[in-house]
Amino acid sequence: MNSNSTISLRLRLTNPKPSSHQKSEASAPSSAPEMTCCLHSCLHDNHSIMPSDERIEVTTTLPPKSSAMKFKIAWGPKGGAKFHRTCWDAVVKSSRARAKKSIVVEMSAKEKEMVKVAAKTAETHDSLARIQAEAKRIAAMITKAKHLVAFTGAGISTSAGIGDFRGKSGKWTEEDRHGYDHEPEAKRSRVDSDSNGVEGEEVPYEDLRPTFTHDAIFKLSEMNHLKHIISQNADGLHLLSGISHTGLSELHGNVFIERCEKCGHRYERSFYVMDDVACEYFEEKAELGHTDIIRPKHAKECTTCGLNHRTGRMCEEKNCDGHLMDSIINFGDLLEAAILKKAEDEAKKSDVMLILGSTVTVTPASALVTMGTKPLKLIICNRQKTQFDDICDEKDKTNGEKHGARVFGDCDVLMREVMKCILSQDAFEEWNEQRKERLRIYNENRPK
């Protein structure tokens, strides 16, 4: 696809939602609390799911007065549920079965419908044993690559507090569920809540800090294993982690970067540059036909996305009086041609593509991951299926080894195991201990 293509992304104009377990770095699975399988007739000896076990997490839409209904699944108050992989497979199979002998879990028609909704949100977490085995292969692929390129999505920032777009609690999933529930747009809350259904305070972008995965990506770049990063994220965390502008293509913009609409000069700020009030003015006018928001004097409706990009500040370059604009790509906006061209050039040179935290569905970005040299070697880690999973499993005709690798789960967990394989034990422990110093530097560069 070319620079005239538009993307299927609508950046949320409110601050991101916090995670109830928000931390500066991910905990190892062994230190996380055990969970309970939500299938009442659990197929295992007990309902316990250890953090190192394979599991499935889903969210469905609860029908009105669901508390009075008897279900075969212990759905949470917000429709969430966790399962052993075998239990979830039995639930899905039973919800679709036509022959009685194929039914393992007998459910009502209503609960079968709820399972179908939940299946669209399913997030898979591989067992720790499998992740560790794949990490060894991935580490070897990374160190042998001549031109490794990383492709990152919202999933690498969820442990920092950013909400993702797909998955059981993603923005698009929530909107799909609201549509299923026929709730009017005007009545939806603008306040985000975390995955446990706890109403949370909004988190300023300035408070977000790079995750373990961001740090690992920078370390790989510093070691010259990683040549370039193509990112769909607009949170500014790659730059804050130390990645240079030349080593990064931010396809969808950056909430800390504004540019002059007249001379094109770019400014990187330590503060969130977008004018949400002006954006909400045009958004509400379009969605509701009216708004109580007073239109800011500098606001200008964008001819492509229908929103506002002006930030309210003016260019500081000599003899230029241009308005500054945010760099965010909204629905309908074109990607910046120079940024997309750089991403395409790097993608074409890649002999290994490391895809982290993305379902790789947004165009034209998704086309980049298959532009590399043949045979394609894709490494994908996220919680949901992608259209490129089969490529990861393709095998070499001479030795039968897989060209790529596919891991389901949290990027922080995988990258921790990968870095343990790439660095010596002493080097890994030293680098991991330096996390505190890195956080201090992040705080200096982006004051809260």
Protein backbone atom coordinates (compact mmCIF):
# COMPACT_ATOMS: atom_id res chain seq x y z
CA MET A 1 0.00 0.00 0.00
CA ASN A 2 1.18 3.56 -0.60
CA SER A 3 1.09 6.85 1.27
CA ASN A 4 -2.32 7.66 -0.13
CA SER A 5 -3.84 4.82 1.87
CA THR A 6 -5.59 5.69 5.10
CA ILE A 7 -5.43 3.81 8.37
CA SER A 8 -8.13 2.09 10.37
CA LEU A 9 -7.08 3.77 13.60
CA ARG A 10 -8.87 6.32 15.76
CA LEU A 11 -6.68 7.47 18.61
CA ARG A 12 -8.66 8.03 21.79
CA LEU A 13 -8.46 11.72 22.64
CA THR A 14 -8.76 11.24 26.36
CA ASN A 15 -5.80 10.14 28.45
CA PRO A 16 -5.14 6.40 28.56
CA LYS A 17 -6.63 4.13 31.18
CA PRO A 18 -4.46 2.79 33.98
CA SER A 19 -3.95 -0.88 34.67
CA SER A 20 -4.80 -2.05 38.17
CA HIS A 21 -1.42 -3.81 38.24
CA GLN A 22 0.51 -0.93 36.64
CA LYS A 23 4.22 -1.31 37.33
CA SER A 24 7.47 0.12 36.03
CA GLU A 25 8.43 -3.34 34.86
CA ALA A 26 6.58 -6.62 34.45
CA SER A 27 6.63 -9.22 37.17
CA ALA A 28 7.81 -12.69 36.32
CA PRO A 29 4.89 -15.14 35.98
CA SER A 30 6.02 -17.11 39.03
CA SER A 31 5.51 -14.06 41.27
CA ALA A 32 1.99 -13.32 40.04
CA PRO A 33 -1.04 -14.63 42.01
CA GLU A 34 -2.73 -17.84 40.91
CA MET A 35 -6.10 -17.64 39.19
CA THR A 36 -9.30 -19.70 39.14
CA CYS A 37 -10.83 -21.40 36.12
CA CYS A 38 -14.32 -19.98 35.59
CA LEU A 39 -15.85 -23.17 34.20
CA HIS A 40 -17.93 -24.61 37.06
CA SER A 41 -17.30 -28.15 35.80
CA CYS A 42 -13.56 -27.56 35.34
CA LEU A 43 -11.90 -30.44 33.47
CA HIS A 44 -8.81 -30.34 35.69
CA ASP A 45 -8.27 -31.77 39.17
CA ASN A 46 -8.92 -28.36 40.66
CA HIS A 47 -9.91 -24.93 39.43
CA SER A 48 -6.51 -23.35 40.08
CA ILE A 49 -4.59 -21.81 37.17
CA MET A 50 -0.96 -21.14 38.00
CA PRO A 51 0.63 -18.03 36.42
CA SER A 52 2.99 -20.33 34.48
CA ASP A 53 0.10 -22.38 33.02
CA GLU A 54 -1.43 -21.92 29.58
CA ARG A 55 -4.70 -20.01 29.90
CA ILE A 56 -7.38 -18.10 28.00
CA GLU A 57 -8.95 -14.80 29.11
CA VAL A 58 -12.16 -13.42 27.60
CA THR A 59 -14.86 -10.80 28.09
CA THR A 60 -18.51 -11.04 27.08
CA THR A 61 -21.59 -8.83 27.33
CA LEU A 62 -23.81 -9.73 30.26
CA PRO A 63 -27.55 -9.69 29.57
CA PRO A 64 -29.92 -7.62 31.77
CA LYS A 65 -30.67 -9.25 35.14
CA SER A 66 -27.84 -11.73 34.61
CA SER A 67 -27.42 -12.11 38.38
CA ALA A 68 -30.68 -14.07 38.45
CA MET A 69 -29.58 -16.47 35.72
CA LYS A 70 -27.79 -19.78 36.18
CA PHE A 71 -24.72 -20.10 33.99
CA LYS A 72 -22.20 -22.90 33.51
CA ILE A 73 -19.46 -20.25 33.59
CA ALA A 74 -18.70 -17.97 36.51
CA TRP A 75 -18.74 -14.73 34.52
CA GLY A 76 -17.29 -11.74 36.35
CA PRO A 77 -19.35 -8.61 37.13
CA LYS A 78 -18.06 -7.00 33.92
CA GLY A 79 -18.31 -10.18 31.83
CA GLY A 80 -14.71 -11.33 32.26
CA ALA A 81 -13.60 -14.96 32.64
CA LYS A 82 -10.40 -17.03 32.74
CA PHE A 83 -10.02 -20.68 31.73
CA HIS A 84 -7.55 -23.49 31.39
CA ARG A 85 -6.93 -23.84 27.66
CA THR A 86 -8.59 -27.28 27.59
CA CYS A 87 -11.64 -25.95 29.44
CA TRP A 88 -12.08 -23.04 27.06
CA ASP A 89 -11.72 -25.32 24.03
CA ALA A 90 -14.48 -27.54 25.47
CA VAL A 91 -16.72 -24.50 26.05
CA VAL A 92 -16.26 -23.21 22.50
CA LYS A 93 -16.76 -26.66 20.97
CA SER A 94 -19.93 -27.19 23.01
CA SER A 95 -21.33 -23.78 22.04
CA ARG A 96 -21.02 -24.70 18.36
CA ALA A 97 -21.89 -28.41 18.52
CA ARG A 98 -24.95 -29.73 16.76
CA ALA A 99 -24.59 -33.39 17.73
CA LYS A 100 -25.39 -34.09 21.37
CA LYS A 101 -22.41 -36.45 21.72
CA SER A 102 -20.08 -33.53 20.95
CA ILE A 103 -21.38 -31.44 23.85
CA VAL A 104 -19.13 -31.41 26.91
CA VAL A 105 -20.63 -28.35 28.59
CA GLU A 106 -24.41 -28.01 28.32
CA MET A 107 -25.32 -24.33 28.08
CA SER A 108 -28.46 -22.32 27.49
CA ALA A 109 -28.97 -20.59 24.16
CA LYS A 110 -28.26 -17.26 25.88
CA GLU A 111 -24.94 -18.46 27.31
CA LYS A 112 -23.93 -19.93 23.95
CA GLU A 113 -24.46 -16.49 22.45
CA MET A 114 -22.34 -14.99 25.24
CA VAL A 115 -19.56 -17.48 24.46
CA LYS A 116 -19.62 -16.47 20.79
CA VAL A 117 -19.18 -12.83 21.81
CA ALA A 118 -16.41 -13.80 24.24
CA ALA A 119 -14.57 -15.83 21.60
CA LYS A 120 -13.96 -12.65 19.60
CA THR A 121 -12.07 -11.17 22.55
CA ALA A 122 -10.07 -14.26 23.54
CA GLU A 123 -6.53 -13.64 24.72
CA THR A 124 -4.14 -16.58 24.88
CA HIS A 125 -1.23 -16.90 27.30
CA ASP A 126 1.24 -19.67 26.49
CA SER A 127 2.78 -21.64 29.33
CA LEU A 128 6.03 -20.30 30.72
CA ALA A 129 7.78 -23.50 29.64
CA ARG A 130 6.78 -22.94 26.02
CA ILE A 131 7.74 -19.25 26.16
CA GLN A 132 11.18 -20.14 27.49
CA ALA A 133 11.68 -22.73 24.75
CA GLU A 134 10.66 -20.27 22.04
CA ALA A 135 12.80 -17.52 23.61
CA LYS A 136 15.92 -19.58 22.90
CA ARG A 137 14.98 -19.88 19.22
CA ILE A 138 14.05 -16.20 19.01
CA ALA A 139 17.31 -15.12 20.64
CA ALA A 140 19.23 -17.13 18.04
CA MET A 141 17.21 -15.54 15.21
CA ILE A 142 17.89 -12.06 16.61
CA THR A 143 21.63 -12.52 17.00
CA LYS A 144 22.02 -14.12 13.56
CA ALA A 145 19.90 -11.51 11.73
CA LYS A 146 21.69 -9.10 9.43
CA HIS A 147 18.88 -6.54 9.35
CA LEU A 148 16.42 -7.03 12.21
CA VAL A 149 13.45 -4.65 12.25
CA ALA A 150 10.93 -4.35 15.09
CA PHE A 151 7.25 -3.61 14.48
CA THR A 152 5.47 -2.50 17.67
CA GLY A 153 1.85 -1.97 18.70
CA ALA A 154 -0.16 -0.99 21.75
CA GLY A 155 0.50 -4.32 23.47
CA ILE A 156 4.05 -3.29 24.45
CA SER A 157 2.67 -0.33 26.42
CA THR A 158 -0.19 -1.95 28.34
CA SER A 159 2.03 -2.64 31.37
CA ALA A 160 2.82 1.09 31.41
CA GLY A 161 -0.88 1.92 31.72
CA ILE A 162 -1.93 2.40 28.08
CA GLY A 163 -5.14 0.63 27.06
CA ASP A 164 -4.86 -1.52 23.94
CA PHE A 165 -7.30 -1.62 21.02
CA ARG A 166 -8.16 -5.30 20.67
CA GLY A 167 -8.42 -8.08 23.21
CA LYS A 168 -10.79 -8.62 26.10
CA SER A 169 -10.57 -5.01 27.38
CA GLY A 170 -9.47 -3.18 24.24
CA LYS A 171 -11.02 0.04 22.99
CA TRP A 172 -12.46 -1.54 19.83
CA THR A 173 -13.67 -4.55 21.80
CA GLU A 174 -15.51 -2.30 24.22
CA GLU A 175 -17.13 -0.44 21.34
CA ASP A 176 -18.16 -3.71 19.70
CA ARG A 177 -19.66 -4.88 23.00
CA HIS A 178 -21.54 -1.61 23.44
CA GLY A 179 -22.91 -2.07 19.94
CA TYR A 180 -24.00 -5.59 20.86
CA ASP A 181 -25.72 -4.14 23.89
CA HIS A 182 -27.32 -1.36 21.80
CA GLU A 183 -26.16 1.40 24.13
CA PRO A 184 -26.42 4.89 22.57
CA GLU A 185 -23.08 6.60 21.87
CA ALA A 186 -24.14 9.73 23.78
CA LYS A 187 -24.66 7.74 26.98
CA ARG A 188 -21.25 6.07 27.08
CA SER A 189 -18.88 7.25 29.77
CA ARG A 190 -15.74 9.11 28.74
CA VAL A 191 -14.00 7.69 31.82
CA ASP A 192 -12.03 4.53 31.14
CA SER A 193 -11.91 1.68 33.64
CA ASP A 194 -9.39 -1.08 34.05
CA SER A 195 -9.75 -4.73 33.10
CA ASN A 196 -11.09 -5.66 36.52
CA GLY A 197 -14.00 -3.29 36.17
CA VAL A 198 -12.68 -0.80 38.72
CA GLU A 199 -13.34 2.78 37.82
CA GLY A 200 -9.91 4.35 37.39
CA GLU A 201 -8.48 7.82 37.33
CA GLU A 202 -7.23 9.11 34.01
CA VAL A 203 -3.49 8.77 33.55
CA PRO A 204 -1.63 11.67 31.92
CA TYR A 205 0.68 10.61 29.10
CA GLU A 206 3.45 12.50 30.90
CA ASP A 207 3.26 9.93 33.72
CA LEU A 208 3.88 6.92 31.47
CA ARG A 209 7.31 5.29 31.48
CA PRO A 210 8.94 2.78 29.11
CA THR A 211 8.20 -0.87 29.90
CA PHE A 212 10.61 -3.78 30.09
CA THR A 213 9.95 -4.39 26.39
CA HIS A 214 10.86 -0.78 25.50
CA ASP A 215 14.08 -1.16 27.47
CA ALA A 216 14.86 -4.49 25.76
CA ILE A 217 14.27 -2.98 22.32
CA PHE A 218 16.65 -0.14 23.13
CA LYS A 219 19.25 -2.61 24.44
CA LEU A 220 19.02 -4.65 21.22
CA SER A 221 19.47 -1.44 19.24
CA GLU A 222 22.41 -0.43 21.41
CA MET A 223 24.01 -3.86 20.81
CA ASN A 224 23.49 -3.30 17.06
CA HIS A 225 21.22 -6.33 16.73
CA LEU A 226 18.20 -4.15 15.91
CA LYS A 227 18.47 -1.80 12.93
CA HIS A 228 15.12 0.02 12.96
CA ILE A 229 11.78 0.27 14.74
CA ILE A 230 8.45 0.77 13.01
CA SER A 231 5.79 1.71 15.56
CA GLN A 232 2.05 2.18 15.48
CA ASN A 233 2.18 3.73 18.95
CA ALA A 234 1.78 7.43 19.60
CA ASP A 235 2.73 7.39 23.30
CA GLY A 236 6.31 8.63 22.82
CA LEU A 237 7.80 5.82 24.93
CA HIS A 238 10.29 4.62 22.30
CA LEU A 239 11.95 8.04 22.14
CA LEU A 240 11.89 8.37 25.91
CA SER A 241 13.64 4.97 26.20
CA GLY A 242 16.57 6.37 24.20
CA ILE A 243 15.77 5.35 20.62
CA SER A 244 16.92 8.02 18.16
CA HIS A 245 14.58 9.75 15.71
CA THR A 246 16.55 8.24 12.82
CA GLY A 247 16.09 4.74 14.20
CA LEU A 248 12.33 5.06 14.55
CA SER A 249 9.35 5.44 12.23
CA GLU A 250 6.28 6.51 14.22
CA LEU A 251 3.59 5.83 11.64
CA HIS A 252 0.68 7.22 13.63
CA GLY A 253 2.43 10.21 15.17
CA ASN A 254 3.49 11.11 18.69
CA VAL A 255 1.48 12.97 21.33
CA PHE A 256 4.66 14.83 22.34
CA ILE A 257 5.54 16.10 18.86
CA GLU A 258 4.01 19.07 17.07
CA ARG A 259 4.92 20.56 13.72
CA CYS A 260 4.35 23.86 11.95
CA GLU A 261 1.63 23.74 9.32
CA LYS A 262 3.47 26.48 7.42
CA CYS A 263 7.23 25.69 7.47
CA GLY A 264 7.09 22.09 8.71
CA HIS A 265 9.52 22.57 11.63
CA ARG A 266 9.03 19.90 14.30
CA TYR A 267 9.11 20.33 18.07
CA GLU A 268 9.53 17.51 20.60
CA ARG A 269 7.94 18.51 23.90
CA SER A 270 8.01 17.08 27.41
CA PHE A 271 4.23 17.63 27.61
CA TYR A 272 1.17 16.29 25.79
CA VAL A 273 0.65 18.64 22.84
CA MET A 274 -2.88 17.84 21.65
CA ASP A 275 -5.83 20.16 22.20
CA ASP A 276 -8.50 17.68 23.30
CA VAL A 277 -11.11 20.40 23.81
CA ALA A 278 -10.94 21.50 20.17
CA CYS A 279 -11.03 17.88 19.02
CA GLU A 280 -14.05 17.09 21.18
CA TYR A 281 -15.82 20.19 19.83
CA PHE A 282 -15.71 18.82 16.27
CA GLU A 283 -16.25 15.23 17.44
CA GLU A 284 -19.45 16.04 19.31
CA LYS A 285 -20.72 18.27 16.49
CA ALA A 286 -20.28 15.37 14.06
CA GLU A 287 -21.66 12.62 16.32
CA LEU A 288 -24.46 14.46 18.13
CA GLY A 289 -25.22 17.39 15.85
CA HIS A 290 -24.58 19.86 18.66
CA THR A 291 -22.19 20.58 21.52
CA ASP A 292 -21.94 22.74 24.62
CA ILE A 293 -18.19 23.10 24.13
CA ILE A 294 -17.04 26.58 23.16
CA ARG A 295 -14.93 26.43 20.00
CA PRO A 296 -11.33 27.57 20.67
CA LYS A 297 -10.29 30.52 18.48
CA HIS A 298 -7.36 28.64 16.94
CA ALA A 299 -9.38 25.50 16.15
CA LYS A 300 -9.60 24.43 12.52
CA GLU A 301 -11.56 21.48 11.19
CA CYS A 302 -9.31 19.04 9.33
CA THR A 303 -10.56 18.33 5.81
CA THR A 304 -9.56 14.63 6.03
CA CYS A 305 -10.40 13.49 9.57
CA GLY A 306 -12.96 16.17 10.52
CA LEU A 307 -11.21 16.92 13.82
CA ASN A 308 -8.67 19.54 14.92
CA HIS A 309 -4.88 19.23 14.75
CA ARG A 310 -3.91 22.75 15.87
CA THR A 311 -2.42 22.83 19.36
CA GLY A 312 -2.92 26.54 20.11
CA ARG A 313 0.80 27.35 19.95
CA MET A 314 2.67 29.18 17.20
CA CYS A 315 5.91 28.36 15.38
CA GLU A 316 9.05 29.74 17.01
CA GLU A 317 11.12 29.84 13.83
CA LYS A 318 12.26 33.27 12.65
CA ASN A 319 9.88 34.97 10.19
CA CYS A 320 7.32 32.20 10.54
CA ASP A 321 3.92 32.77 12.10
CA GLY A 322 2.48 29.35 11.36
CA HIS A 323 0.14 27.45 13.66
CA LEU A 324 1.58 24.35 15.29
CA MET A 325 -0.26 21.09 14.70
CA ASP A 326 -0.14 17.76 16.51
CA SER A 327 1.35 14.86 14.58
CA ILE A 328 -1.40 12.34 15.34
CA ILE A 329 -2.98 10.34 12.49
CA ASN A 330 -6.75 10.05 12.94
CA PHE A 331 -9.29 8.14 10.86
CA GLY A 332 -9.15 9.48 7.32
CA ASP A 333 -5.76 11.20 7.71
CA LEU A 334 -2.90 10.25 5.39
CA LEU A 335 0.31 8.94 6.88
CA GLU A 336 3.25 11.35 6.56
CA ALA A 337 4.88 10.34 3.27
CA ALA A 338 8.49 10.65 4.47
CA ILE A 339 7.86 8.55 7.58
CA LEU A 340 6.06 5.83 5.63
CA LYS A 341 8.80 5.81 2.96
CA LYS A 342 11.50 5.30 5.61
CA ALA A 343 9.48 2.47 7.17
CA GLU A 344 9.01 0.80 3.77
CA ASP A 345 12.74 1.05 2.98
CA GLU A 346 13.70 -0.54 6.30
CA ALA A 347 11.01 -3.23 6.02
CA LYS A 348 12.25 -4.25 2.57
CA LYS A 349 15.79 -4.71 3.93
CA SER A 350 14.68 -6.80 6.91
CA ASP A 351 15.65 -10.48 7.06
CA VAL A 352 13.84 -10.89 10.41
CA MET A 353 10.77 -8.92 11.54
CA LEU A 354 10.11 -8.80 15.30
CA ILE A 355 6.39 -8.02 15.77
CA LEU A 356 5.48 -7.14 19.35
CA GLY A 357 2.09 -6.20 20.81
CA SER A 358 0.19 -5.80 17.56
CA THR A 359 -2.61 -7.71 15.85
CA VAL A 360 -1.20 -6.32 12.57
CA THR A 361 -4.59 -5.36 11.18
CA VAL A 362 -4.23 -1.61 10.63
CA THR A 363 -3.43 -0.60 7.05
CA PRO A 364 -1.13 0.42 5.44
CA ALA A 365 1.14 -0.49 8.38
CA SER A 366 0.21 -4.18 8.24
CA ALA A 367 1.61 -4.49 4.71
CA LEU A 368 5.09 -3.60 5.95
CA VAL A 369 5.67 -6.86 7.84
CA THR A 370 5.72 -8.94 4.64
CA MET A 371 8.03 -6.68 2.62
CA GLY A 372 11.23 -8.33 3.88
CA THR A 373 13.61 -10.67 2.13
CA LYS A 374 12.36 -14.17 1.34
CA PRO A 375 11.76 -16.53 2.95
CA LEU A 376 9.93 -14.32 5.42
CA LYS A 377 11.06 -14.75 9.02
CA LEU A 378 8.41 -13.31 11.33
CA ILE A 379 8.53 -13.36 15.12
CA ILE A 380 5.12 -12.46 16.57
CA CYS A 381 4.20 -11.97 20.22
CA ASN A 382 0.82 -10.75 21.36
CA ARG A 383 -2.28 -12.21 23.02
CA GLN A 384 -4.50 -12.61 19.95
CA LYS A 385 -4.33 -14.30 16.58
CA THR A 386 -3.07 -12.39 13.54
CA GLN A 387 -3.45 -12.92 9.82
CA PHE A 388 0.28 -13.72 9.62
CA ASP A 389 0.47 -16.54 12.18
CA ASP A 390 0.73 -19.23 9.50
CA ILE A 391 3.85 -17.57 8.06
CA CYS A 392 5.59 -18.04 11.42
CA ASP A 393 4.99 -21.79 11.16
CA GLU A 394 6.30 -22.21 7.61
CA LYS A 395 9.23 -24.62 7.50
CA ASP A 396 12.50 -24.73 5.62
CA LYS A 397 12.26 -27.38 2.89
CA THR A 398 15.81 -28.59 3.49
CA ASN A 399 15.98 -28.99 7.27
CA GLY A 400 12.32 -28.80 8.32
CA GLU A 401 12.96 -25.99 10.81
CA LYS A 402 10.43 -23.19 11.22
CA HIS A 403 11.37 -19.89 9.61
CA GLY A 404 9.66 -17.86 12.33
CA ALA A 405 8.26 -18.01 15.84
CA ARG A 406 4.82 -17.42 17.34
CA VAL A 407 4.28 -16.71 21.04
CA PHE A 408 0.97 -15.84 22.72
CA GLY A 409 1.23 -13.74 25.85
CA ASP A 410 2.68 -10.56 27.31
CA CYS A 411 5.63 -9.02 25.49
CA ASP A 412 7.40 -8.21 28.77
CA VAL A 413 7.37 -11.88 29.75
CA LEU A 414 8.78 -13.04 26.41
CA MET A 415 11.40 -10.29 26.14
CA ARG A 416 12.64 -11.00 29.65
CA GLU A 417 13.35 -14.60 28.62
CA VAL A 418 14.86 -13.51 25.29
CA MET A 419 17.26 -11.08 26.98
CA LYS A 420 18.30 -13.82 29.42
CA CYS A 421 19.33 -15.87 26.39
CA ILE A 422 21.16 -13.04 24.62
CA LEU A 423 23.03 -11.66 27.63
CA SER A 424 25.18 -13.62 30.03
CA GLN A 425 23.69 -14.15 33.49
CA ASP A 426 25.92 -11.47 35.03
CA ALA A 427 25.25 -9.03 32.19
CA PHE A 428 21.51 -9.58 32.40
CA GLU A 429 21.43 -9.04 36.16
CA GLU A 430 23.54 -5.88 35.86
CA TRP A 431 21.35 -4.49 33.07
CA ASN A 432 18.18 -5.37 34.98
CA GLU A 433 19.51 -3.61 38.10
CA GLN A 434 20.10 -0.48 36.03
CA ARG A 435 16.33 -0.16 35.56
CA LYS A 436 16.15 2.17 38.58
CA GLU A 437 18.71 4.51 37.04
CA ARG A 438 16.89 4.41 33.71
CA LEU A 439 13.66 5.42 35.45
CA ARG A 440 15.44 8.34 37.07
CA ILE A 441 16.59 9.51 33.65
CA TYR A 442 13.10 9.07 32.21
CA ASN A 443 11.70 11.21 35.03
CA GLU A 444 14.26 13.93 34.32
CA ASN A 445 13.48 13.95 30.61
CA ARG A 446 9.72 13.92 31.10
CA PRO A 447 8.74 15.52 34.43
CA LYS A 448 5.35 14.55 35.82
